[in-house]
Amino acid sequence: MLDYVNFARRPFVLDAVEITEENIAEVAELVGTIETRENGDRYIRVDPSKMQMVSFVYLGWWFTNIENHYRAYKPHLFHSQFVVINDDNRDSIHEMNEEPR
């Protein structure tokens, strides 16, 4: 029988912004072009050479940047994987990312 050991994945820190009407053009400049549906809703058609995994990005999604590597997440997926770093959790996140001794 295998003798499994429990591990926790170290957190990593990234920058993220929710895509809104106010910033969609700025996000599109980084990863694709803005297109508009017949009903007027705007979205980004993603250039696959600039961001993989998704073809379209919509308002309300979260856009992340780690050293100019971009990703986009539906809101529920983003919030299930990431938490805002604040004064209550900053020290514990830092401690988890320290190199083992």
PDB file of N, CA and C in Angstrom:
ATOM      1  N   MET A   1       0.842  -1.184   0.000  1.00  0.00           N
ATOM      2  CA  MET A   1       0.000   0.000   0.000  1.00  0.00           C
ATOM      3  C   MET A   1       0.891   1.252   0.000  1.00  0.00           C
ATOM      4  N   LEU A   2       0.494   2.243  -0.768  1.00  0.00           N
ATOM      5  CA  LEU A   2       1.264   3.483  -0.840  1.00  0.00           C
ATOM      6  C   LEU A   2       1.118   4.278   0.447  1.00  0.00           C
ATOM      7  N   ASP A   3       2.195   4.871   0.867  1.00  0.00           N
ATOM      8  CA  ASP A   3       2.214   5.673   2.071  1.00  0.00           C
ATOM      9  C   ASP A   3       2.207   7.159   1.669  1.00  0.00           C
ATOM     10  N   TYR A   4       1.018   7.699   1.422  1.00  0.00           N
ATOM     11  CA  TYR A   4       0.890   9.083   0.975  1.00  0.00           C
ATOM     12  C   TYR A   4       1.204  10.059   2.103  1.00  0.00           C
ATOM     13  N   VAL A   5       1.729  11.215   1.717  1.00  0.00           N
ATOM     14  CA  VAL A   5       2.014  12.304   2.636  1.00  0.00           C
ATOM     15  C   VAL A   5       1.205  13.510   2.166  1.00  0.00           C
ATOM     16  N   ASN A   6       0.575  14.211   3.104  1.00  0.00           N
ATOM     17  CA  ASN A   6      -0.212  15.402   2.742  1.00  0.00           C
ATOM     18  C   ASN A   6       0.700  16.588   2.484  1.00  0.00           C
ATOM     19  N   PHE A   7       0.403  17.325   1.423  1.00  0.00           N
ATOM     20  CA  PHE A   7       1.124  18.549   1.092  1.00  0.00           C
ATOM     21  C   PHE A   7       0.120  19.658   0.836  1.00  0.00           C
ATOM     22  N   ALA A   8       0.550  20.888   1.074  1.00  0.00           N
ATOM     23  CA  ALA A   8      -0.225  22.063   0.703  1.00  0.00           C
ATOM     24  C   ALA A   8       0.581  22.822  -0.350  1.00  0.00           C
ATOM     25  N   ARG A   9      -0.095  23.325  -1.337  1.00  0.00           N
ATOM     26  CA  ARG A   9       0.588  24.088  -2.374  1.00  0.00           C
ATOM     27  C   ARG A   9       0.907  25.488  -1.854  1.00  0.00           C
ATOM     28  N   ARG A  10       2.116  25.940  -2.100  1.00  0.00           N
ATOM     29  CA  ARG A  10       2.486  27.287  -1.696  1.00  0.00           C
ATOM     30  C   ARG A  10       1.686  28.302  -2.511  1.00  0.00           C
ATOM     31  N   PRO A  11       1.217  29.328  -1.858  1.00  0.00           N
ATOM     32  CA  PRO A  11       0.513  30.368  -2.610  1.00  0.00           C
ATOM     33  C   PRO A  11       1.507  31.198  -3.421  1.00  0.00           C
ATOM     34  N   PHE A  12       1.020  31.790  -4.475  1.00  0.00           N
ATOM     35  CA  PHE A  12       1.829  32.735  -5.221  1.00  0.00           C
ATOM     36  C   PHE A  12       1.043  34.032  -5.330  1.00  0.00           C
ATOM     37  N   VAL A  13       1.764  35.101  -5.524  1.00  0.00           N
ATOM     38  CA  VAL A  13       1.153  36.420  -5.546  1.00  0.00           C
ATOM     39  C   VAL A  13       1.069  36.893  -6.986  1.00  0.00           C
ATOM     40  N   LEU A  14      -0.063  37.469  -7.335  1.00  0.00           N
ATOM     41  CA  LEU A  14      -0.252  38.003  -8.678  1.00  0.00           C
ATOM     42  C   LEU A  14      -1.053  39.282  -8.610  1.00  0.00           C
ATOM     43  N   ASP A  15      -1.032  40.019  -9.690  1.00  0.00           N
ATOM     44  CA  ASP A  15      -1.843  41.224  -9.811  1.00  0.00           C
ATOM     45  C   ASP A  15      -3.093  40.867 -10.595  1.00  0.00           C
ATOM     46  N   ALA A  16      -4.237  41.396 -10.179  1.00  0.00           N
ATOM     47  CA  ALA A  16      -5.496  41.088 -10.848  1.00  0.00           C
ATOM     48  C   ALA A  16      -6.381  42.320 -10.885  1.00  0.00           C
ATOM     49  N   VAL A  17      -7.221  42.381 -11.913  1.00  0.00           N
ATOM     50  CA  VAL A  17      -8.182  43.463 -12.049  1.00  0.00           C
ATOM     51  C   VAL A  17      -9.459  42.881 -12.649  1.00  0.00           C
ATOM     52  N   GLU A  18     -10.595  43.331 -12.129  1.00  0.00           N
ATOM     53  CA  GLU A  18     -11.863  42.921 -12.716  1.00  0.00           C
ATOM     54  C   GLU A  18     -12.079  43.723 -13.997  1.00  0.00           C
ATOM     55  N   ILE A  19     -12.498  43.057 -15.056  1.00  0.00           N
ATOM     56  CA  ILE A  19     -12.718  43.733 -16.333  1.00  0.00           C
ATOM     57  C   ILE A  19     -14.060  44.455 -16.284  1.00  0.00           C
ATOM     58  N   THR A  20     -13.997  45.753 -16.567  1.00  0.00           N
ATOM     59  CA  THR A  20     -15.176  46.611 -16.522  1.00  0.00           C
ATOM     60  C   THR A  20     -15.276  47.403 -17.826  1.00  0.00           C
ATOM     61  N   GLU A  21     -16.386  48.120 -17.991  1.00  0.00           N
ATOM     62  CA  GLU A  21     -16.525  49.007 -19.154  1.00  0.00           C
ATOM     63  C   GLU A  21     -15.400  50.033 -19.171  1.00  0.00           C
ATOM     64  N   GLU A  22     -14.971  50.462 -17.994  1.00  0.00           N
ATOM     65  CA  GLU A  22     -13.948  51.500 -17.902  1.00  0.00           C
ATOM     66  C   GLU A  22     -12.554  51.020 -18.305  1.00  0.00           C
ATOM     67  N   ASN A  23     -12.253  49.729 -18.145  1.00  0.00           N
ATOM     68  CA  ASN A  23     -10.890  49.268 -18.437  1.00  0.00           C
ATOM     69  C   ASN A  23     -10.794  48.232 -19.553  1.00  0.00           C
ATOM     70  N   ILE A  24     -11.899  47.880 -20.189  1.00  0.00           N
ATOM     71  CA  ILE A  24     -11.865  46.816 -21.202  1.00  0.00           C
ATOM     72  C   ILE A  24     -10.931  47.157 -22.361  1.00  0.00           C
ATOM     73  N   ALA A  25     -10.867  48.429 -22.754  1.00  0.00           N
ATOM     74  CA  ALA A  25      -9.985  48.808 -23.861  1.00  0.00           C
ATOM     75  C   ALA A  25      -8.519  48.615 -23.481  1.00  0.00           C
ATOM     76  N   GLU A  26      -8.176  48.947 -22.255  1.00  0.00           N
ATOM     77  CA  GLU A  26      -6.795  48.779 -21.790  1.00  0.00           C
ATOM     78  C   GLU A  26      -6.401  47.306 -21.735  1.00  0.00           C
ATOM     79  N   VAL A  27      -7.312  46.452 -21.264  1.00  0.00           N
ATOM     80  CA  VAL A  27      -7.044  45.008 -21.236  1.00  0.00           C
ATOM     81  C   VAL A  27      -6.922  44.480 -22.664  1.00  0.00           C
ATOM     82  N   ALA A  28      -7.814  44.922 -23.535  1.00  0.00           N
ATOM     83  CA  ALA A  28      -7.784  44.455 -24.929  1.00  0.00           C
ATOM     84  C   ALA A  28      -6.465  44.794 -25.614  1.00  0.00           C
ATOM     85  N   GLU A  29      -5.887  45.944 -25.300  1.00  0.00           N
ATOM     86  CA  GLU A  29      -4.586  46.307 -25.878  1.00  0.00           C
ATOM     87  C   GLU A  29      -3.518  45.270 -25.561  1.00  0.00           C
ATOM     88  N   LEU A  30      -3.639  44.606 -24.421  1.00  0.00           N
ATOM     89  CA  LEU A  30      -2.642  43.618 -23.999  1.00  0.00           C
ATOM     90  C   LEU A  30      -2.856  42.245 -24.624  1.00  0.00           C
ATOM     91  N   VAL A  31      -4.123  41.868 -24.884  1.00  0.00           N
ATOM     92  CA  VAL A  31      -4.374  40.464 -25.253  1.00  0.00           C
ATOM     93  C   VAL A  31      -5.269  40.237 -26.471  1.00  0.00           C
ATOM     94  N   GLY A  32      -5.811  41.275 -27.074  1.00  0.00           N
ATOM     95  CA  GLY A  32      -6.697  41.008 -28.208  1.00  0.00           C
ATOM     96  C   GLY A  32      -7.381  42.260 -28.712  1.00  0.00           C
ATOM     97  N   THR A  33      -8.609  42.086 -29.201  1.00  0.00           N
ATOM     98  CA  THR A  33      -9.368  43.199 -29.759  1.00  0.00           C
ATOM     99  C   THR A  33     -10.783  43.198 -29.188  1.00  0.00           C
ATOM    100  N   ILE A  34     -11.343  44.392 -29.074  1.00  0.00           N
ATOM    101  CA  ILE A  34     -12.722  44.518 -28.591  1.00  0.00           C
ATOM    102  C   ILE A  34     -13.676  44.250 -29.741  1.00  0.00           C
ATOM    103  N   GLU A  35     -14.696  43.472 -29.440  1.00  0.00           N
ATOM    104  CA  GLU A  35     -15.783  43.247 -30.389  1.00  0.00           C
ATOM    105  C   GLU A  35     -17.092  43.549 -29.669  1.00  0.00           C
ATOM    106  N   THR A  36     -18.142  43.796 -30.459  1.00  0.00           N
ATOM    107  CA  THR A  36     -19.436  44.161 -29.892  1.00  0.00           C
ATOM    108  C   THR A  36     -20.513  43.247 -30.458  1.00  0.00           C
ATOM    109  N   ARG A  37     -21.338  42.707 -29.576  1.00  0.00           N
ATOM    110  CA  ARG A  37     -22.473  41.879 -29.990  1.00  0.00           C
ATOM    111  C   ARG A  37     -23.581  42.778 -30.538  1.00  0.00           C
ATOM    112  N   GLU A  38     -24.536  42.172 -31.184  1.00  0.00           N
ATOM    113  CA  GLU A  38     -25.669  42.927 -31.729  1.00  0.00           C
ATOM    114  C   GLU A  38     -26.411  43.701 -30.645  1.00  0.00           C
ATOM    115  N   ASN A  39     -26.419  43.164 -29.423  1.00  0.00           N
ATOM    116  CA  ASN A  39     -27.133  43.842 -28.330  1.00  0.00           C
ATOM    117  C   ASN A  39     -26.303  44.958 -27.680  1.00  0.00           C
ATOM    118  N   GLY A  40     -25.086  45.188 -28.176  1.00  0.00           N
ATOM    119  CA  GLY A  40     -24.234  46.252 -27.659  1.00  0.00           C
ATOM    120  C   GLY A  40     -23.224  45.824 -26.622  1.00  0.00           C
ATOM    121  N   ASP A  41     -23.312  44.585 -26.128  1.00  0.00           N
ATOM    122  CA  ASP A  41     -22.352  44.095 -25.138  1.00  0.00           C
ATOM    123  C   ASP A  41     -20.973  43.967 -25.775  1.00  0.00           C
ATOM    124  N   ARG A  42     -19.969  44.485 -25.070  1.00  0.00           N
ATOM    125  CA  ARG A  42     -18.593  44.405 -25.570  1.00  0.00           C
ATOM    126  C   ARG A  42     -17.861  43.259 -24.889  1.00  0.00           C
ATOM    127  N   TYR A  43     -16.918  42.671 -25.627  1.00  0.00           N
ATOM    128  CA  TYR A  43     -16.075  41.601 -25.107  1.00  0.00           C
ATOM    129  C   TYR A  43     -14.746  41.654 -25.836  1.00  0.00           C
ATOM    130  N   ILE A  44     -13.791  40.865 -25.380  1.00  0.00           N
ATOM    131  CA  ILE A  44     -12.471  40.818 -26.007  1.00  0.00           C
ATOM    132  C   ILE A  44     -12.311  39.492 -26.733  1.00  0.00           C
ATOM    133  N   ARG A  45     -11.957  39.576 -28.018  1.00  0.00           N
ATOM    134  CA  ARG A  45     -11.546  38.381 -28.759  1.00  0.00           C
ATOM    135  C   ARG A  45     -10.037  38.255 -28.524  1.00  0.00           C
ATOM    136  N   VAL A  46      -9.630  37.156 -27.907  1.00  0.00           N
ATOM    137  CA  VAL A  46      -8.247  36.976 -27.460  1.00  0.00           C
ATOM    138  C   VAL A  46      -7.360  36.507 -28.611  1.00  0.00           C
ATOM    139  N   ASP A  47      -6.195  37.122 -28.711  1.00  0.00           N
ATOM    140  CA  ASP A  47      -5.154  36.682 -29.635  1.00  0.00           C
ATOM    141  C   ASP A  47      -4.423  35.531 -28.944  1.00  0.00           C
ATOM    142  N   PRO A  48      -4.499  34.302 -29.494  1.00  0.00           N
ATOM    143  CA  PRO A  48      -3.895  33.153 -28.797  1.00  0.00           C
ATOM    144  C   PRO A  48      -2.380  33.244 -28.641  1.00  0.00           C
ATOM    145  N   SER A  49      -1.724  34.114 -29.385  1.00  0.00           N
ATOM    146  CA  SER A  49      -0.278  34.289 -29.192  1.00  0.00           C
ATOM    147  C   SER A  49       0.019  35.144 -27.961  1.00  0.00           C
ATOM    148  N   LYS A  50      -1.023  35.827 -27.435  1.00  0.00           N
ATOM    149  CA  LYS A  50      -0.832  36.695 -26.275  1.00  0.00           C
ATOM    150  C   LYS A  50      -1.390  36.113 -24.979  1.00  0.00           C
ATOM    151  N   MET A  51      -2.395  35.239 -25.096  1.00  0.00           N
ATOM    152  CA  MET A  51      -2.977  34.605 -23.908  1.00  0.00           C
ATOM    153  C   MET A  51      -3.637  33.301 -24.338  1.00  0.00           C
ATOM    154  N   GLN A  52      -3.270  32.220 -23.675  1.00  0.00           N
ATOM    155  CA  GLN A  52      -3.831  30.915 -23.993  1.00  0.00           C
ATOM    156  C   GLN A  52      -4.992  30.588 -23.062  1.00  0.00           C
ATOM    157  N   MET A  53      -5.654  29.515 -23.343  1.00  0.00           N
ATOM    158  CA  MET A  53      -6.699  28.910 -22.507  1.00  0.00           C
ATOM    159  C   MET A  53      -8.105  29.453 -22.772  1.00  0.00           C
ATOM    160  N   VAL A  54      -8.254  30.680 -23.235  1.00  0.00           N
ATOM    161  CA  VAL A  54      -9.578  31.216 -23.521  1.00  0.00           C
ATOM    162  C   VAL A  54      -9.545  31.939 -24.868  1.00  0.00           C
ATOM    163  N   SER A  55     -10.685  31.965 -25.539  1.00  0.00           N
ATOM    164  CA  SER A  55     -10.786  32.666 -26.823  1.00  0.00           C
ATOM    165  C   SER A  55     -11.464  34.019 -26.686  1.00  0.00           C
ATOM    166  N   PHE A  56     -12.291  34.156 -25.652  1.00  0.00           N
ATOM    167  CA  PHE A  56     -13.041  35.385 -25.419  1.00  0.00           C
ATOM    168  C   PHE A  56     -12.970  35.739 -23.939  1.00  0.00           C
ATOM    169  N   VAL A  57     -13.007  37.037 -23.639  1.00  0.00           N
ATOM    170  CA  VAL A  57     -13.009  37.523 -22.261  1.00  0.00           C
ATOM    171  C   VAL A  57     -14.142  38.532 -22.143  1.00  0.00           C
ATOM    172  N   TYR A  58     -14.887  38.440 -21.052  1.00  0.00           N
ATOM    173  CA  TYR A  58     -16.106  39.227 -20.899  1.00  0.00           C
ATOM    174  C   TYR A  58     -16.037  40.155 -19.685  1.00  0.00           C
ATOM    175  N   LEU A  59     -16.904  41.161 -19.712  1.00  0.00           N
ATOM    176  CA  LEU A  59     -17.028  42.048 -18.558  1.00  0.00           C
ATOM    177  C   LEU A  59     -17.348  41.220 -17.315  1.00  0.00           C
ATOM    178  N   GLY A  60     -16.753  41.591 -16.191  1.00  0.00           N
ATOM    179  CA  GLY A  60     -16.972  40.866 -14.944  1.00  0.00           C
ATOM    180  C   GLY A  60     -15.944  39.784 -14.692  1.00  0.00           C
ATOM    181  N   TRP A  61     -15.222  39.365 -15.733  1.00  0.00           N
ATOM    182  CA  TRP A  61     -14.155  38.386 -15.543  1.00  0.00           C
ATOM    183  C   TRP A  61     -12.979  39.069 -14.874  1.00  0.00           C
ATOM    184  N   TRP A  62     -12.064  38.265 -14.336  1.00  0.00           N
ATOM    185  CA  TRP A  62     -10.851  38.775 -13.708  1.00  0.00           C
ATOM    186  C   TRP A  62      -9.665  38.505 -14.616  1.00  0.00           C
ATOM    187  N   PHE A  63      -8.816  39.511 -14.754  1.00  0.00           N
ATOM    188  CA  PHE A  63      -7.638  39.478 -15.614  1.00  0.00           C
ATOM    189  C   PHE A  63      -6.413  39.511 -14.718  1.00  0.00           C
ATOM    190  N   THR A  64      -5.512  38.541 -14.881  1.00  0.00           N
ATOM    191  CA  THR A  64      -4.335  38.461 -14.018  1.00  0.00           C
ATOM    192  C   THR A  64      -3.057  38.649 -14.824  1.00  0.00           C
ATOM    193  N   ASN A  65      -2.034  39.100 -14.105  1.00  0.00           N
ATOM    194  CA  ASN A  65      -0.743  39.347 -14.718  1.00  0.00           C
ATOM    195  C   ASN A  65       0.342  38.884 -13.759  1.00  0.00           C
ATOM    196  N   ILE A  66       1.132  37.936 -14.225  1.00  0.00           N
ATOM    197  CA  ILE A  66       2.322  37.504 -13.489  1.00  0.00           C
ATOM    198  C   ILE A  66       3.487  37.666 -14.458  1.00  0.00           C
ATOM    199  N   GLU A  67       4.265  38.711 -14.245  1.00  0.00           N
ATOM    200  CA  GLU A  67       5.430  38.987 -15.097  1.00  0.00           C
ATOM    201  C   GLU A  67       5.066  38.960 -16.575  1.00  0.00           C
ATOM    202  N   ASN A  68       4.002  39.678 -16.934  1.00  0.00           N
ATOM    203  CA  ASN A  68       3.503  39.799 -18.308  1.00  0.00           C
ATOM    204  C   ASN A  68       3.016  38.482 -18.914  1.00  0.00           C
ATOM    205  N   HIS A  69       2.604  37.553 -18.071  1.00  0.00           N
ATOM    206  CA  HIS A  69       1.908  36.343 -18.501  1.00  0.00           C
ATOM    207  C   HIS A  69       0.468  36.515 -18.042  1.00  0.00           C
ATOM    208  N   TYR A  70      -0.429  36.587 -19.003  1.00  0.00           N
ATOM    209  CA  TYR A  70      -1.808  36.950 -18.709  1.00  0.00           C
ATOM    210  C   TYR A  70      -2.721  35.732 -18.687  1.00  0.00           C
ATOM    211  N   ARG A  71      -3.732  35.824 -17.832  1.00  0.00           N
ATOM    212  CA  ARG A  71      -4.797  34.828 -17.777  1.00  0.00           C
ATOM    213  C   ARG A  71      -6.086  35.549 -17.453  1.00  0.00           C
ATOM    214  N   ALA A  72      -7.197  34.919 -17.799  1.00  0.00           N
ATOM    215  CA  ALA A  72      -8.507  35.481 -17.474  1.00  0.00           C
ATOM    216  C   ALA A  72      -9.351  34.382 -16.847  1.00  0.00           C
ATOM    217  N   TYR A  73     -10.152  34.765 -15.854  1.00  0.00           N
ATOM    218  CA  TYR A  73     -10.953  33.815 -15.095  1.00  0.00           C
ATOM    219  C   TYR A  73     -12.391  34.307 -14.983  1.00  0.00           C
ATOM    220  N   LYS A  74     -13.317  33.375 -15.113  1.00  0.00           N
ATOM    221  CA  LYS A  74     -14.701  33.689 -14.770  1.00  0.00           C
ATOM    222  C   LYS A  74     -14.727  34.047 -13.282  1.00  0.00           C
ATOM    223  N   PRO A  75     -15.644  34.918 -12.865  1.00  0.00           N
ATOM    224  CA  PRO A  75     -15.635  35.365 -11.462  1.00  0.00           C
ATOM    225  C   PRO A  75     -15.645  34.240 -10.436  1.00  0.00           C
ATOM    226  N   HIS A  76     -16.509  33.229 -10.612  1.00  0.00           N
ATOM    227  CA  HIS A  76     -16.580  32.174  -9.589  1.00  0.00           C
ATOM    228  C   HIS A  76     -15.295  31.359  -9.514  1.00  0.00           C
ATOM    229  N   LEU A  77     -14.628  31.146 -10.639  1.00  0.00           N
ATOM    230  CA  LEU A  77     -13.354  30.420 -10.617  1.00  0.00           C
ATOM    231  C   LEU A  77     -12.259  31.256  -9.967  1.00  0.00           C
ATOM    232  N   PHE A  78     -12.235  32.538 -10.277  1.00  0.00           N
ATOM    233  CA  PHE A  78     -11.224  33.414  -9.685  1.00  0.00           C
ATOM    234  C   PHE A  78     -11.352  33.430  -8.168  1.00  0.00           C
ATOM    235  N   HIS A  79     -12.567  33.639  -7.678  1.00  0.00           N
ATOM    236  CA  HIS A  79     -12.759  33.750  -6.231  1.00  0.00           C
ATOM    237  C   HIS A  79     -12.604  32.416  -5.508  1.00  0.00           C
ATOM    238  N   SER A  80     -12.711  31.304  -6.224  1.00  0.00           N
ATOM    239  CA  SER A  80     -12.476  30.009  -5.582  1.00  0.00           C
ATOM    240  C   SER A  80     -10.983  29.705  -5.455  1.00  0.00           C
ATOM    241  N   GLN A  81     -10.145  30.433  -6.204  1.00  0.00           N
ATOM    242  CA  GLN A  81      -8.710  30.154  -6.201  1.00  0.00           C
ATOM    243  C   GLN A  81      -7.848  31.238  -5.570  1.00  0.00           C
ATOM    244  N   PHE A  82      -8.363  32.467  -5.469  1.00  0.00           N
ATOM    245  CA  PHE A  82      -7.541  33.579  -5.011  1.00  0.00           C
ATOM    246  C   PHE A  82      -8.237  34.356  -3.900  1.00  0.00           C
ATOM    247  N   VAL A  83      -7.440  34.927  -3.012  1.00  0.00           N
ATOM    248  CA  VAL A  83      -7.938  35.825  -1.972  1.00  0.00           C
ATOM    249  C   VAL A  83      -7.136  37.112  -2.038  1.00  0.00           C
ATOM    250  N   VAL A  84      -7.768  38.200  -1.661  1.00  0.00           N
ATOM    251  CA  VAL A  84      -7.078  39.481  -1.592  1.00  0.00           C
ATOM    252  C   VAL A  84      -6.069  39.426  -0.450  1.00  0.00           C
ATOM    253  N   ILE A  85      -4.865  39.907  -0.694  1.00  0.00           N
ATOM    254  CA  ILE A  85      -3.874  40.001   0.376  1.00  0.00           C
ATOM    255  C   ILE A  85      -4.174  41.259   1.173  1.00  0.00           C
ATOM    256  N   ASN A  86      -4.306  41.074   2.483  1.00  0.00           N
ATOM    257  CA  ASN A  86      -4.593  42.218   3.360  1.00  0.00           C
ATOM    258  C   ASN A  86      -3.784  42.070   4.648  1.00  0.00           C
ATOM    259  N   ASP A  87      -3.988  42.986   5.564  1.00  0.00           N
ATOM    260  CA  ASP A  87      -3.221  42.963   6.814  1.00  0.00           C
ATOM    261  C   ASP A  87      -3.467  41.692   7.633  1.00  0.00           C
ATOM    262  N   ASP A  88      -4.646  41.081   7.490  1.00  0.00           N
ATOM    263  CA  ASP A  88      -4.967  39.890   8.273  1.00  0.00           C
ATOM    264  C   ASP A  88      -4.242  38.637   7.789  1.00  0.00           C
ATOM    265  N   ASN A  89      -3.913  38.562   6.488  1.00  0.00           N
ATOM    266  CA  ASN A  89      -3.319  37.321   5.981  1.00  0.00           C
ATOM    267  C   ASN A  89      -1.915  37.502   5.383  1.00  0.00           C
ATOM    268  N   ARG A  90      -1.443  38.730   5.297  1.00  0.00           N
ATOM    269  CA  ARG A  90      -0.148  39.020   4.660  1.00  0.00           C
ATOM    270  C   ARG A  90       1.000  38.216   5.272  1.00  0.00           C
ATOM    271  N   ASP A  91       1.094  38.177   6.587  1.00  0.00           N
ATOM    272  CA  ASP A  91       2.198  37.472   7.245  1.00  0.00           C
ATOM    273  C   ASP A  91       2.147  35.971   6.993  1.00  0.00           C
ATOM    274  N   SER A  92       0.974  35.381   7.065  1.00  0.00           N
ATOM    275  CA  SER A  92       0.889  33.928   6.856  1.00  0.00           C
ATOM    276  C   SER A  92       1.208  33.555   5.412  1.00  0.00           C
ATOM    277  N   ILE A  93       0.804  34.374   4.462  1.00  0.00           N
ATOM    278  CA  ILE A  93       1.150  34.098   3.059  1.00  0.00           C
ATOM    279  C   ILE A  93       2.655  34.216   2.868  1.00  0.00           C
ATOM    280  N   HIS A  94       3.246  35.232   3.449  1.00  0.00           N
ATOM    281  CA  HIS A  94       4.697  35.400   3.349  1.00  0.00           C
ATOM    282  C   HIS A  94       5.419  34.198   3.963  1.00  0.00           C
ATOM    283  N   GLU A  95       4.980  33.750   5.116  1.00  0.00           N
ATOM    284  CA  GLU A  95       5.613  32.610   5.780  1.00  0.00           C
ATOM    285  C   GLU A  95       5.513  31.339   4.940  1.00  0.00           C
ATOM    286  N   MET A  96       4.378  31.126   4.300  1.00  0.00           N
ATOM    287  CA  MET A  96       4.216  29.921   3.475  1.00  0.00           C
ATOM    288  C   MET A  96       5.134  29.949   2.255  1.00  0.00           C
ATOM    289  N   ASN A  97       5.519  31.128   1.796  1.00  0.00           N
ATOM    290  CA  ASN A  97       6.377  31.225   0.628  1.00  0.00           C
ATOM    291  C   ASN A  97       7.855  31.243   0.940  1.00  0.00           C
ATOM    292  N   GLU A  98       8.198  31.249   2.241  1.00  0.00           N
ATOM    293  CA  GLU A  98       9.615  31.191   2.608  1.00  0.00           C
ATOM    294  C   GLU A  98      10.183  29.832   2.235  1.00  0.00           C
ATOM    295  N   GLU A  99      11.446  29.828   1.888  1.00  0.00           N
ATOM    296  CA  GLU A  99      12.125  28.576   1.548  1.00  0.00           C
ATOM    297  C   GLU A  99      12.242  27.695   2.783  1.00  0.00           C
ATOM    298  N   PRO A 100      12.045  26.376   2.618  1.00  0.00           N
ATOM    299  CA  PRO A 100      12.204  25.478   3.763  1.00  0.00           C
ATOM    300  C   PRO A 100      13.644  25.470   4.260  1.00  0.00           C
ATOM    301  N   ARG A 101      13.780  25.217   5.548  1.00  0.00           N
ATOM    302  CA  ARG A 101      15.126  25.205   6.145  1.00  0.00           C
ATOM    303  C   ARG A 101      15.705  23.833   6.152  1.00  0.00           C
TER     304      ARG A 101
END
